[in-house]
PDBML (XML) file of the C-alpha atoms, coordinates in Angstrom:
<?xml version="1.0" encoding="UTF-8" ?>
<PDBx:datablock datablockName="MODEL"
   xmlns:PDBx="http://pdbml.pdb.org/schema/pdbx-v50.xsd"
   xmlns:xsi="http://www.w3.org/2001/XMLSchema-instance"
   xsi:schemaLocation="http://pdbml.pdb.org/schema/pdbx-v50.xsd pdbx-v50.xsd">
   <PDBx:atom_siteCategory>
      <PDBx:atom_site id="1">
         <PDBx:B_iso_or_equiv>0.00</PDBx:B_iso_or_equiv>
         <PDBx:Cartn_x>147.541</PDBx:Cartn_x>
         <PDBx:Cartn_y>305.254</PDBx:Cartn_y>
         <PDBx:Cartn_z>65.890</PDBx:Cartn_z>
         <PDBx:auth_asym_id>A</PDBx:auth_asym_id>
         <PDBx:auth_atom_id>CA</PDBx:auth_atom_id>
         <PDBx:auth_comp_id>ASP</PDBx:auth_comp_id>
         <PDBx:auth_seq_id>1</PDBx:auth_seq_id>
         <PDBx:group_PDB>ATOM</PDBx:group_PDB>
         <PDBx:label_alt_id xsi:nil="true" />
         <PDBx:label_asym_id>A</PDBx:label_asym_id>
         <PDBx:label_atom_id>CA</PDBx:label_atom_id>
         <PDBx:label_comp_id>ASP</PDBx:label_comp_id>
         <PDBx:label_entity_id>1</PDBx:label_entity_id>
         <PDBx:label_seq_id>1</PDBx:label_seq_id>
         <PDBx:occupancy>1.00</PDBx:occupancy>
         <PDBx:pdbx_PDB_model_num>1</PDBx:pdbx_PDB_model_num>
         <PDBx:type_symbol>C</PDBx:type_symbol>
      </PDBx:atom_site>
      <PDBx:atom_site id="2">
         <PDBx:B_iso_or_equiv>0.00</PDBx:B_iso_or_equiv>
         <PDBx:Cartn_x>146.368</PDBx:Cartn_x>
         <PDBx:Cartn_y>308.591</PDBx:Cartn_y>
         <PDBx:Cartn_z>64.426</PDBx:Cartn_z>
         <PDBx:auth_asym_id>A</PDBx:auth_asym_id>
         <PDBx:auth_atom_id>CA</PDBx:auth_atom_id>
         <PDBx:auth_comp_id>VAL</PDBx:auth_comp_id>
         <PDBx:auth_seq_id>2</PDBx:auth_seq_id>
         <PDBx:group_PDB>ATOM</PDBx:group_PDB>
         <PDBx:label_alt_id xsi:nil="true" />
         <PDBx:label_asym_id>A</PDBx:label_asym_id>
         <PDBx:label_atom_id>CA</PDBx:label_atom_id>
         <PDBx:label_comp_id>VAL</PDBx:label_comp_id>
         <PDBx:label_entity_id>1</PDBx:label_entity_id>
         <PDBx:label_seq_id>2</PDBx:label_seq_id>
         <PDBx:occupancy>1.00</PDBx:occupancy>
         <PDBx:pdbx_PDB_model_num>1</PDBx:pdbx_PDB_model_num>
         <PDBx:type_symbol>C</PDBx:type_symbol>
      </PDBx:atom_site>
      <PDBx:atom_site id="3">
         <PDBx:B_iso_or_equiv>0.00</PDBx:B_iso_or_equiv>
         <PDBx:Cartn_x>143.423</PDBx:Cartn_x>
         <PDBx:Cartn_y>310.877</PDBx:Cartn_y>
         <PDBx:Cartn_z>65.189</PDBx:Cartn_z>
         <PDBx:auth_asym_id>A</PDBx:auth_asym_id>
         <PDBx:auth_atom_id>CA</PDBx:auth_atom_id>
         <PDBx:auth_comp_id>ILE</PDBx:auth_comp_id>
         <PDBx:auth_seq_id>3</PDBx:auth_seq_id>
         <PDBx:group_PDB>ATOM</PDBx:group_PDB>
         <PDBx:label_alt_id xsi:nil="true" />
         <PDBx:label_asym_id>A</PDBx:label_asym_id>
         <PDBx:label_atom_id>CA</PDBx:label_atom_id>
         <PDBx:label_comp_id>ILE</PDBx:label_comp_id>
         <PDBx:label_entity_id>1</PDBx:label_entity_id>
         <PDBx:label_seq_id>3</PDBx:label_seq_id>
         <PDBx:occupancy>1.00</PDBx:occupancy>
         <PDBx:pdbx_PDB_model_num>1</PDBx:pdbx_PDB_model_num>
         <PDBx:type_symbol>C</PDBx:type_symbol>
      </PDBx:atom_site>
      <PDBx:atom_site id="4">
         <PDBx:B_iso_or_equiv>0.00</PDBx:B_iso_or_equiv>
         <PDBx:Cartn_x>142.090</PDBx:Cartn_x>
         <PDBx:Cartn_y>312.825</PDBx:Cartn_y>
         <PDBx:Cartn_z>62.207</PDBx:Cartn_z>
         <PDBx:auth_asym_id>A</PDBx:auth_asym_id>
         <PDBx:auth_atom_id>CA</PDBx:auth_atom_id>
         <PDBx:auth_comp_id>HIS</PDBx:auth_comp_id>
         <PDBx:auth_seq_id>4</PDBx:auth_seq_id>
         <PDBx:group_PDB>ATOM</PDBx:group_PDB>
         <PDBx:label_alt_id xsi:nil="true" />
         <PDBx:label_asym_id>A</PDBx:label_asym_id>
         <PDBx:label_atom_id>CA</PDBx:label_atom_id>
         <PDBx:label_comp_id>HIS</PDBx:label_comp_id>
         <PDBx:label_entity_id>1</PDBx:label_entity_id>
         <PDBx:label_seq_id>4</PDBx:label_seq_id>
         <PDBx:occupancy>1.00</PDBx:occupancy>
         <PDBx:pdbx_PDB_model_num>1</PDBx:pdbx_PDB_model_num>
         <PDBx:type_symbol>C</PDBx:type_symbol>
      </PDBx:atom_site>
      <PDBx:atom_site id="5">
         <PDBx:B_iso_or_equiv>0.00</PDBx:B_iso_or_equiv>
         <PDBx:Cartn_x>139.925</PDBx:Cartn_x>
         <PDBx:Cartn_y>315.641</PDBx:Cartn_y>
         <PDBx:Cartn_z>63.597</PDBx:Cartn_z>
         <PDBx:auth_asym_id>A</PDBx:auth_asym_id>
         <PDBx:auth_atom_id>CA</PDBx:auth_atom_id>
         <PDBx:auth_comp_id>ALA</PDBx:auth_comp_id>
         <PDBx:auth_seq_id>5</PDBx:auth_seq_id>
         <PDBx:group_PDB>ATOM</PDBx:group_PDB>
         <PDBx:label_alt_id xsi:nil="true" />
         <PDBx:label_asym_id>A</PDBx:label_asym_id>
         <PDBx:label_atom_id>CA</PDBx:label_atom_id>
         <PDBx:label_comp_id>ALA</PDBx:label_comp_id>
         <PDBx:label_entity_id>1</PDBx:label_entity_id>
         <PDBx:label_seq_id>5</PDBx:label_seq_id>
         <PDBx:occupancy>1.00</PDBx:occupancy>
         <PDBx:pdbx_PDB_model_num>1</PDBx:pdbx_PDB_model_num>
         <PDBx:type_symbol>C</PDBx:type_symbol>
      </PDBx:atom_site>
      <PDBx:atom_site id="6">
         <PDBx:B_iso_or_equiv>0.00</PDBx:B_iso_or_equiv>
         <PDBx:Cartn_x>137.663</PDBx:Cartn_x>
         <PDBx:Cartn_y>317.561</PDBx:Cartn_y>
         <PDBx:Cartn_z>61.236</PDBx:Cartn_z>
         <PDBx:auth_asym_id>A</PDBx:auth_asym_id>
         <PDBx:auth_atom_id>CA</PDBx:auth_atom_id>
         <PDBx:auth_comp_id>HIS</PDBx:auth_comp_id>
         <PDBx:auth_seq_id>6</PDBx:auth_seq_id>
         <PDBx:group_PDB>ATOM</PDBx:group_PDB>
         <PDBx:label_alt_id xsi:nil="true" />
         <PDBx:label_asym_id>A</PDBx:label_asym_id>
         <PDBx:label_atom_id>CA</PDBx:label_atom_id>
         <PDBx:label_comp_id>HIS</PDBx:label_comp_id>
         <PDBx:label_entity_id>1</PDBx:label_entity_id>
         <PDBx:label_seq_id>6</PDBx:label_seq_id>
         <PDBx:occupancy>1.00</PDBx:occupancy>
         <PDBx:pdbx_PDB_model_num>1</PDBx:pdbx_PDB_model_num>
         <PDBx:type_symbol>C</PDBx:type_symbol>
      </PDBx:atom_site>
      <PDBx:atom_site id="7">
         <PDBx:B_iso_or_equiv>0.00</PDBx:B_iso_or_equiv>
         <PDBx:Cartn_x>137.157</PDBx:Cartn_x>
         <PDBx:Cartn_y>321.303</PDBx:Cartn_y>
         <PDBx:Cartn_z>61.875</PDBx:Cartn_z>
         <PDBx:auth_asym_id>A</PDBx:auth_asym_id>
         <PDBx:auth_atom_id>CA</PDBx:auth_atom_id>
         <PDBx:auth_comp_id>ASP</PDBx:auth_comp_id>
         <PDBx:auth_seq_id>7</PDBx:auth_seq_id>
         <PDBx:group_PDB>ATOM</PDBx:group_PDB>
         <PDBx:label_alt_id xsi:nil="true" />
         <PDBx:label_asym_id>A</PDBx:label_asym_id>
         <PDBx:label_atom_id>CA</PDBx:label_atom_id>
         <PDBx:label_comp_id>ASP</PDBx:label_comp_id>
         <PDBx:label_entity_id>1</PDBx:label_entity_id>
         <PDBx:label_seq_id>7</PDBx:label_seq_id>
         <PDBx:occupancy>1.00</PDBx:occupancy>
         <PDBx:pdbx_PDB_model_num>1</PDBx:pdbx_PDB_model_num>
         <PDBx:type_symbol>C</PDBx:type_symbol>
      </PDBx:atom_site>
      <PDBx:atom_site id="8">
         <PDBx:B_iso_or_equiv>0.00</PDBx:B_iso_or_equiv>
         <PDBx:Cartn_x>138.259</PDBx:Cartn_x>
         <PDBx:Cartn_y>323.582</PDBx:Cartn_y>
         <PDBx:Cartn_z>64.685</PDBx:Cartn_z>
         <PDBx:auth_asym_id>A</PDBx:auth_asym_id>
         <PDBx:auth_atom_id>CA</PDBx:auth_atom_id>
         <PDBx:auth_comp_id>MET</PDBx:auth_comp_id>
         <PDBx:auth_seq_id>8</PDBx:auth_seq_id>
         <PDBx:group_PDB>ATOM</PDBx:group_PDB>
         <PDBx:label_alt_id xsi:nil="true" />
         <PDBx:label_asym_id>A</PDBx:label_asym_id>
         <PDBx:label_atom_id>CA</PDBx:label_atom_id>
         <PDBx:label_comp_id>MET</PDBx:label_comp_id>
         <PDBx:label_entity_id>1</PDBx:label_entity_id>
         <PDBx:label_seq_id>8</PDBx:label_seq_id>
         <PDBx:occupancy>1.00</PDBx:occupancy>
         <PDBx:pdbx_PDB_model_num>1</PDBx:pdbx_PDB_model_num>
         <PDBx:type_symbol>C</PDBx:type_symbol>
      </PDBx:atom_site>
      <PDBx:atom_site id="9">
         <PDBx:B_iso_or_equiv>0.00</PDBx:B_iso_or_equiv>
         <PDBx:Cartn_x>135.942</PDBx:Cartn_x>
         <PDBx:Cartn_y>322.622</PDBx:Cartn_y>
         <PDBx:Cartn_z>67.527</PDBx:Cartn_z>
         <PDBx:auth_asym_id>A</PDBx:auth_asym_id>
         <PDBx:auth_atom_id>CA</PDBx:auth_atom_id>
         <PDBx:auth_comp_id>ARG</PDBx:auth_comp_id>
         <PDBx:auth_seq_id>9</PDBx:auth_seq_id>
         <PDBx:group_PDB>ATOM</PDBx:group_PDB>
         <PDBx:label_alt_id xsi:nil="true" />
         <PDBx:label_asym_id>A</PDBx:label_asym_id>
         <PDBx:label_atom_id>CA</PDBx:label_atom_id>
         <PDBx:label_comp_id>ARG</PDBx:label_comp_id>
         <PDBx:label_entity_id>1</PDBx:label_entity_id>
         <PDBx:label_seq_id>9</PDBx:label_seq_id>
         <PDBx:occupancy>1.00</PDBx:occupancy>
         <PDBx:pdbx_PDB_model_num>1</PDBx:pdbx_PDB_model_num>
         <PDBx:type_symbol>C</PDBx:type_symbol>
      </PDBx:atom_site>
      <PDBx:atom_site id="10">
         <PDBx:B_iso_or_equiv>0.00</PDBx:B_iso_or_equiv>
         <PDBx:Cartn_x>136.608</PDBx:Cartn_x>
         <PDBx:Cartn_y>318.920</PDBx:Cartn_y>
         <PDBx:Cartn_z>67.072</PDBx:Cartn_z>
         <PDBx:auth_asym_id>A</PDBx:auth_asym_id>
         <PDBx:auth_atom_id>CA</PDBx:auth_atom_id>
         <PDBx:auth_comp_id>THR</PDBx:auth_comp_id>
         <PDBx:auth_seq_id>10</PDBx:auth_seq_id>
         <PDBx:group_PDB>ATOM</PDBx:group_PDB>
         <PDBx:label_alt_id xsi:nil="true" />
         <PDBx:label_asym_id>A</PDBx:label_asym_id>
         <PDBx:label_atom_id>CA</PDBx:label_atom_id>
         <PDBx:label_comp_id>THR</PDBx:label_comp_id>
         <PDBx:label_entity_id>1</PDBx:label_entity_id>
         <PDBx:label_seq_id>10</PDBx:label_seq_id>
         <PDBx:occupancy>1.00</PDBx:occupancy>
         <PDBx:pdbx_PDB_model_num>1</PDBx:pdbx_PDB_model_num>
         <PDBx:type_symbol>C</PDBx:type_symbol>
      </PDBx:atom_site>
      <PDBx:atom_site id="11">
         <PDBx:B_iso_or_equiv>0.00</PDBx:B_iso_or_equiv>
         <PDBx:Cartn_x>140.350</PDBx:Cartn_x>
         <PDBx:Cartn_y>319.510</PDBx:Cartn_y>
         <PDBx:Cartn_z>66.804</PDBx:Cartn_z>
         <PDBx:auth_asym_id>A</PDBx:auth_asym_id>
         <PDBx:auth_atom_id>CA</PDBx:auth_atom_id>
         <PDBx:auth_comp_id>SER</PDBx:auth_comp_id>
         <PDBx:auth_seq_id>11</PDBx:auth_seq_id>
         <PDBx:group_PDB>ATOM</PDBx:group_PDB>
         <PDBx:label_alt_id xsi:nil="true" />
         <PDBx:label_asym_id>A</PDBx:label_asym_id>
         <PDBx:label_atom_id>CA</PDBx:label_atom_id>
         <PDBx:label_comp_id>SER</PDBx:label_comp_id>
         <PDBx:label_entity_id>1</PDBx:label_entity_id>
         <PDBx:label_seq_id>11</PDBx:label_seq_id>
         <PDBx:occupancy>1.00</PDBx:occupancy>
         <PDBx:pdbx_PDB_model_num>1</PDBx:pdbx_PDB_model_num>
         <PDBx:type_symbol>C</PDBx:type_symbol>
      </PDBx:atom_site>
      <PDBx:atom_site id="12">
         <PDBx:B_iso_or_equiv>0.00</PDBx:B_iso_or_equiv>
         <PDBx:Cartn_x>140.255</PDBx:Cartn_x>
         <PDBx:Cartn_y>321.431</PDBx:Cartn_y>
         <PDBx:Cartn_z>70.087</PDBx:Cartn_z>
         <PDBx:auth_asym_id>A</PDBx:auth_asym_id>
         <PDBx:auth_atom_id>CA</PDBx:auth_atom_id>
         <PDBx:auth_comp_id>PHE</PDBx:auth_comp_id>
         <PDBx:auth_seq_id>12</PDBx:auth_seq_id>
         <PDBx:group_PDB>ATOM</PDBx:group_PDB>
         <PDBx:label_alt_id xsi:nil="true" />
         <PDBx:label_asym_id>A</PDBx:label_asym_id>
         <PDBx:label_atom_id>CA</PDBx:label_atom_id>
         <PDBx:label_comp_id>PHE</PDBx:label_comp_id>
         <PDBx:label_entity_id>1</PDBx:label_entity_id>
         <PDBx:label_seq_id>12</PDBx:label_seq_id>
         <PDBx:occupancy>1.00</PDBx:occupancy>
         <PDBx:pdbx_PDB_model_num>1</PDBx:pdbx_PDB_model_num>
         <PDBx:type_symbol>C</PDBx:type_symbol>
      </PDBx:atom_site>
      <PDBx:atom_site id="13">
         <PDBx:B_iso_or_equiv>0.00</PDBx:B_iso_or_equiv>
         <PDBx:Cartn_x>138.459</PDBx:Cartn_x>
         <PDBx:Cartn_y>318.583</PDBx:Cartn_y>
         <PDBx:Cartn_z>71.897</PDBx:Cartn_z>
         <PDBx:auth_asym_id>A</PDBx:auth_asym_id>
         <PDBx:auth_atom_id>CA</PDBx:auth_atom_id>
         <PDBx:auth_comp_id>VAL</PDBx:auth_comp_id>
         <PDBx:auth_seq_id>13</PDBx:auth_seq_id>
         <PDBx:group_PDB>ATOM</PDBx:group_PDB>
         <PDBx:label_alt_id xsi:nil="true" />
         <PDBx:label_asym_id>A</PDBx:label_asym_id>
         <PDBx:label_atom_id>CA</PDBx:label_atom_id>
         <PDBx:label_comp_id>VAL</PDBx:label_comp_id>
         <PDBx:label_entity_id>1</PDBx:label_entity_id>
         <PDBx:label_seq_id>13</PDBx:label_seq_id>
         <PDBx:occupancy>1.00</PDBx:occupancy>
         <PDBx:pdbx_PDB_model_num>1</PDBx:pdbx_PDB_model_num>
         <PDBx:type_symbol>C</PDBx:type_symbol>
      </PDBx:atom_site>
      <PDBx:atom_site id="14">
         <PDBx:B_iso_or_equiv>0.00</PDBx:B_iso_or_equiv>
         <PDBx:Cartn_x>140.813</PDBx:Cartn_x>
         <PDBx:Cartn_y>315.993</PDBx:Cartn_y>
         <PDBx:Cartn_z>70.387</PDBx:Cartn_z>
         <PDBx:auth_asym_id>A</PDBx:auth_asym_id>
         <PDBx:auth_atom_id>CA</PDBx:auth_atom_id>
         <PDBx:auth_comp_id>ALA</PDBx:auth_comp_id>
         <PDBx:auth_seq_id>14</PDBx:auth_seq_id>
         <PDBx:group_PDB>ATOM</PDBx:group_PDB>
         <PDBx:label_alt_id xsi:nil="true" />
         <PDBx:label_asym_id>A</PDBx:label_asym_id>
         <PDBx:label_atom_id>CA</PDBx:label_atom_id>
         <PDBx:label_comp_id>ALA</PDBx:label_comp_id>
         <PDBx:label_entity_id>1</PDBx:label_entity_id>
         <PDBx:label_seq_id>14</PDBx:label_seq_id>
         <PDBx:occupancy>1.00</PDBx:occupancy>
         <PDBx:pdbx_PDB_model_num>1</PDBx:pdbx_PDB_model_num>
         <PDBx:type_symbol>C</PDBx:type_symbol>
      </PDBx:atom_site>
      <PDBx:atom_site id="15">
         <PDBx:B_iso_or_equiv>0.00</PDBx:B_iso_or_equiv>
         <PDBx:Cartn_x>143.856</PDBx:Cartn_x>
         <PDBx:Cartn_y>318.041</PDBx:Cartn_y>
         <PDBx:Cartn_z>71.396</PDBx:Cartn_z>
         <PDBx:auth_asym_id>A</PDBx:auth_asym_id>
         <PDBx:auth_atom_id>CA</PDBx:auth_atom_id>
         <PDBx:auth_comp_id>ALA</PDBx:auth_comp_id>
         <PDBx:auth_seq_id>15</PDBx:auth_seq_id>
         <PDBx:group_PDB>ATOM</PDBx:group_PDB>
         <PDBx:label_alt_id xsi:nil="true" />
         <PDBx:label_asym_id>A</PDBx:label_asym_id>
         <PDBx:label_atom_id>CA</PDBx:label_atom_id>
         <PDBx:label_comp_id>ALA</PDBx:label_comp_id>
         <PDBx:label_entity_id>1</PDBx:label_entity_id>
         <PDBx:label_seq_id>15</PDBx:label_seq_id>
         <PDBx:occupancy>1.00</PDBx:occupancy>
         <PDBx:pdbx_PDB_model_num>1</PDBx:pdbx_PDB_model_num>
         <PDBx:type_symbol>C</PDBx:type_symbol>
      </PDBx:atom_site>
      <PDBx:atom_site id="16">
         <PDBx:B_iso_or_equiv>0.00</PDBx:B_iso_or_equiv>
         <PDBx:Cartn_x>142.741</PDBx:Cartn_x>
         <PDBx:Cartn_y>317.905</PDBx:Cartn_y>
         <PDBx:Cartn_z>75.032</PDBx:Cartn_z>
         <PDBx:auth_asym_id>A</PDBx:auth_asym_id>
         <PDBx:auth_atom_id>CA</PDBx:auth_atom_id>
         <PDBx:auth_comp_id>LEU</PDBx:auth_comp_id>
         <PDBx:auth_seq_id>16</PDBx:auth_seq_id>
         <PDBx:group_PDB>ATOM</PDBx:group_PDB>
         <PDBx:label_alt_id xsi:nil="true" />
         <PDBx:label_asym_id>A</PDBx:label_asym_id>
         <PDBx:label_atom_id>CA</PDBx:label_atom_id>
         <PDBx:label_comp_id>LEU</PDBx:label_comp_id>
         <PDBx:label_entity_id>1</PDBx:label_entity_id>
         <PDBx:label_seq_id>16</PDBx:label_seq_id>
         <PDBx:occupancy>1.00</PDBx:occupancy>
         <PDBx:pdbx_PDB_model_num>1</PDBx:pdbx_PDB_model_num>
         <PDBx:type_symbol>C</PDBx:type_symbol>
      </PDBx:atom_site>
      <PDBx:atom_site id="17">
         <PDBx:B_iso_or_equiv>0.00</PDBx:B_iso_or_equiv>
         <PDBx:Cartn_x>142.628</PDBx:Cartn_x>
         <PDBx:Cartn_y>314.122</PDBx:Cartn_y>
         <PDBx:Cartn_z>75.192</PDBx:Cartn_z>
         <PDBx:auth_asym_id>A</PDBx:auth_asym_id>
         <PDBx:auth_atom_id>CA</PDBx:auth_atom_id>
         <PDBx:auth_comp_id>CYS</PDBx:auth_comp_id>
         <PDBx:auth_seq_id>17</PDBx:auth_seq_id>
         <PDBx:group_PDB>ATOM</PDBx:group_PDB>
         <PDBx:label_alt_id xsi:nil="true" />
         <PDBx:label_asym_id>A</PDBx:label_asym_id>
         <PDBx:label_atom_id>CA</PDBx:label_atom_id>
         <PDBx:label_comp_id>CYS</PDBx:label_comp_id>
         <PDBx:label_entity_id>1</PDBx:label_entity_id>
         <PDBx:label_seq_id>17</PDBx:label_seq_id>
         <PDBx:occupancy>1.00</PDBx:occupancy>
         <PDBx:pdbx_PDB_model_num>1</PDBx:pdbx_PDB_model_num>
         <PDBx:type_symbol>C</PDBx:type_symbol>
      </PDBx:atom_site>
      <PDBx:atom_site id="18">
         <PDBx:B_iso_or_equiv>0.00</PDBx:B_iso_or_equiv>
         <PDBx:Cartn_x>144.810</PDBx:Cartn_x>
         <PDBx:Cartn_y>312.597</PDBx:Cartn_y>
         <PDBx:Cartn_z>72.455</PDBx:Cartn_z>
         <PDBx:auth_asym_id>A</PDBx:auth_asym_id>
         <PDBx:auth_atom_id>CA</PDBx:auth_atom_id>
         <PDBx:auth_comp_id>CYS</PDBx:auth_comp_id>
         <PDBx:auth_seq_id>18</PDBx:auth_seq_id>
         <PDBx:group_PDB>ATOM</PDBx:group_PDB>
         <PDBx:label_alt_id xsi:nil="true" />
         <PDBx:label_asym_id>A</PDBx:label_asym_id>
         <PDBx:label_atom_id>CA</PDBx:label_atom_id>
         <PDBx:label_comp_id>CYS</PDBx:label_comp_id>
         <PDBx:label_entity_id>1</PDBx:label_entity_id>
         <PDBx:label_seq_id>18</PDBx:label_seq_id>
         <PDBx:occupancy>1.00</PDBx:occupancy>
         <PDBx:pdbx_PDB_model_num>1</PDBx:pdbx_PDB_model_num>
         <PDBx:type_symbol>C</PDBx:type_symbol>
      </PDBx:atom_site>
      <PDBx:atom_site id="19">
         <PDBx:B_iso_or_equiv>0.00</PDBx:B_iso_or_equiv>
         <PDBx:Cartn_x>147.858</PDBx:Cartn_x>
         <PDBx:Cartn_y>312.237</PDBx:Cartn_y>
         <PDBx:Cartn_z>74.674</PDBx:Cartn_z>
         <PDBx:auth_asym_id>A</PDBx:auth_asym_id>
         <PDBx:auth_atom_id>CA</PDBx:auth_atom_id>
         <PDBx:auth_comp_id>GLY</PDBx:auth_comp_id>
         <PDBx:auth_seq_id>19</PDBx:auth_seq_id>
         <PDBx:group_PDB>ATOM</PDBx:group_PDB>
         <PDBx:label_alt_id xsi:nil="true" />
         <PDBx:label_asym_id>A</PDBx:label_asym_id>
         <PDBx:label_atom_id>CA</PDBx:label_atom_id>
         <PDBx:label_comp_id>GLY</PDBx:label_comp_id>
         <PDBx:label_entity_id>1</PDBx:label_entity_id>
         <PDBx:label_seq_id>19</PDBx:label_seq_id>
         <PDBx:occupancy>1.00</PDBx:occupancy>
         <PDBx:pdbx_PDB_model_num>1</PDBx:pdbx_PDB_model_num>
         <PDBx:type_symbol>C</PDBx:type_symbol>
      </PDBx:atom_site>
      <PDBx:atom_site id="20">
         <PDBx:B_iso_or_equiv>0.00</PDBx:B_iso_or_equiv>
         <PDBx:Cartn_x>150.757</PDBx:Cartn_x>
         <PDBx:Cartn_y>310.828</PDBx:Cartn_y>
         <PDBx:Cartn_z>72.627</PDBx:Cartn_z>
         <PDBx:auth_asym_id>A</PDBx:auth_asym_id>
         <PDBx:auth_atom_id>CA</PDBx:auth_atom_id>
         <PDBx:auth_comp_id>ARG</PDBx:auth_comp_id>
         <PDBx:auth_seq_id>20</PDBx:auth_seq_id>
         <PDBx:group_PDB>ATOM</PDBx:group_PDB>
         <PDBx:label_alt_id xsi:nil="true" />
         <PDBx:label_asym_id>A</PDBx:label_asym_id>
         <PDBx:label_atom_id>CA</PDBx:label_atom_id>
         <PDBx:label_comp_id>ARG</PDBx:label_comp_id>
         <PDBx:label_entity_id>1</PDBx:label_entity_id>
         <PDBx:label_seq_id>20</PDBx:label_seq_id>
         <PDBx:occupancy>1.00</PDBx:occupancy>
         <PDBx:pdbx_PDB_model_num>1</PDBx:pdbx_PDB_model_num>
         <PDBx:type_symbol>C</PDBx:type_symbol>
      </PDBx:atom_site>
      <PDBx:atom_site id="21">
         <PDBx:B_iso_or_equiv>0.00</PDBx:B_iso_or_equiv>
         <PDBx:Cartn_x>148.551</PDBx:Cartn_x>
         <PDBx:Cartn_y>309.872</PDBx:Cartn_y>
         <PDBx:Cartn_z>69.698</PDBx:Cartn_z>
         <PDBx:auth_asym_id>A</PDBx:auth_asym_id>
         <PDBx:auth_atom_id>CA</PDBx:auth_atom_id>
         <PDBx:auth_comp_id>ILE</PDBx:auth_comp_id>
         <PDBx:auth_seq_id>21</PDBx:auth_seq_id>
         <PDBx:group_PDB>ATOM</PDBx:group_PDB>
         <PDBx:label_alt_id xsi:nil="true" />
         <PDBx:label_asym_id>A</PDBx:label_asym_id>
         <PDBx:label_atom_id>CA</PDBx:label_atom_id>
         <PDBx:label_comp_id>ILE</PDBx:label_comp_id>
         <PDBx:label_entity_id>1</PDBx:label_entity_id>
         <PDBx:label_seq_id>21</PDBx:label_seq_id>
         <PDBx:occupancy>1.00</PDBx:occupancy>
         <PDBx:pdbx_PDB_model_num>1</PDBx:pdbx_PDB_model_num>
         <PDBx:type_symbol>C</PDBx:type_symbol>
      </PDBx:atom_site>
      <PDBx:atom_site id="22">
         <PDBx:B_iso_or_equiv>0.00</PDBx:B_iso_or_equiv>
         <PDBx:Cartn_x>149.421</PDBx:Cartn_x>
         <PDBx:Cartn_y>312.055</PDBx:Cartn_y>
         <PDBx:Cartn_z>66.676</PDBx:Cartn_z>
         <PDBx:auth_asym_id>A</PDBx:auth_asym_id>
         <PDBx:auth_atom_id>CA</PDBx:auth_atom_id>
         <PDBx:auth_comp_id>PRO</PDBx:auth_comp_id>
         <PDBx:auth_seq_id>22</PDBx:auth_seq_id>
         <PDBx:group_PDB>ATOM</PDBx:group_PDB>
         <PDBx:label_alt_id xsi:nil="true" />
         <PDBx:label_asym_id>A</PDBx:label_asym_id>
         <PDBx:label_atom_id>CA</PDBx:label_atom_id>
         <PDBx:label_comp_id>PRO</PDBx:label_comp_id>
         <PDBx:label_entity_id>1</PDBx:label_entity_id>
         <PDBx:label_seq_id>22</PDBx:label_seq_id>
         <PDBx:occupancy>1.00</PDBx:occupancy>
         <PDBx:pdbx_PDB_model_num>1</PDBx:pdbx_PDB_model_num>
         <PDBx:type_symbol>C</PDBx:type_symbol>
      </PDBx:atom_site>
      <PDBx:atom_site id="23">
         <PDBx:B_iso_or_equiv>0.00</PDBx:B_iso_or_equiv>
         <PDBx:Cartn_x>146.683</PDBx:Cartn_x>
         <PDBx:Cartn_y>314.541</PDBx:Cartn_y>
         <PDBx:Cartn_z>65.816</PDBx:Cartn_z>
         <PDBx:auth_asym_id>A</PDBx:auth_asym_id>
         <PDBx:auth_atom_id>CA</PDBx:auth_atom_id>
         <PDBx:auth_comp_id>LEU</PDBx:auth_comp_id>
         <PDBx:auth_seq_id>23</PDBx:auth_seq_id>
         <PDBx:group_PDB>ATOM</PDBx:group_PDB>
         <PDBx:label_alt_id xsi:nil="true" />
         <PDBx:label_asym_id>A</PDBx:label_asym_id>
         <PDBx:label_atom_id>CA</PDBx:label_atom_id>
         <PDBx:label_comp_id>LEU</PDBx:label_comp_id>
         <PDBx:label_entity_id>1</PDBx:label_entity_id>
         <PDBx:label_seq_id>23</PDBx:label_seq_id>
         <PDBx:occupancy>1.00</PDBx:occupancy>
         <PDBx:pdbx_PDB_model_num>1</PDBx:pdbx_PDB_model_num>
         <PDBx:type_symbol>C</PDBx:type_symbol>
      </PDBx:atom_site>
      <PDBx:atom_site id="24">
         <PDBx:B_iso_or_equiv>0.00</PDBx:B_iso_or_equiv>
         <PDBx:Cartn_x>145.911</PDBx:Cartn_x>
         <PDBx:Cartn_y>315.598</PDBx:Cartn_y>
         <PDBx:Cartn_z>62.252</PDBx:Cartn_z>
         <PDBx:auth_asym_id>A</PDBx:auth_asym_id>
         <PDBx:auth_atom_id>CA</PDBx:auth_atom_id>
         <PDBx:auth_comp_id>ILE</PDBx:auth_comp_id>
         <PDBx:auth_seq_id>24</PDBx:auth_seq_id>
         <PDBx:group_PDB>ATOM</PDBx:group_PDB>
         <PDBx:label_alt_id xsi:nil="true" />
         <PDBx:label_asym_id>A</PDBx:label_asym_id>
         <PDBx:label_atom_id>CA</PDBx:label_atom_id>
         <PDBx:label_comp_id>ILE</PDBx:label_comp_id>
         <PDBx:label_entity_id>1</PDBx:label_entity_id>
         <PDBx:label_seq_id>24</PDBx:label_seq_id>
         <PDBx:occupancy>1.00</PDBx:occupancy>
         <PDBx:pdbx_PDB_model_num>1</PDBx:pdbx_PDB_model_num>
         <PDBx:type_symbol>C</PDBx:type_symbol>
      </PDBx:atom_site>
   </PDBx:atom_siteCategory>
</PDBx:datablock>
């Protein structure tokens, strides 16, 4: 229901594929 991405590189990858799932 939530993706918690740690650090910038991981956040970038998560942002490209999280769709409608909220990203922290």
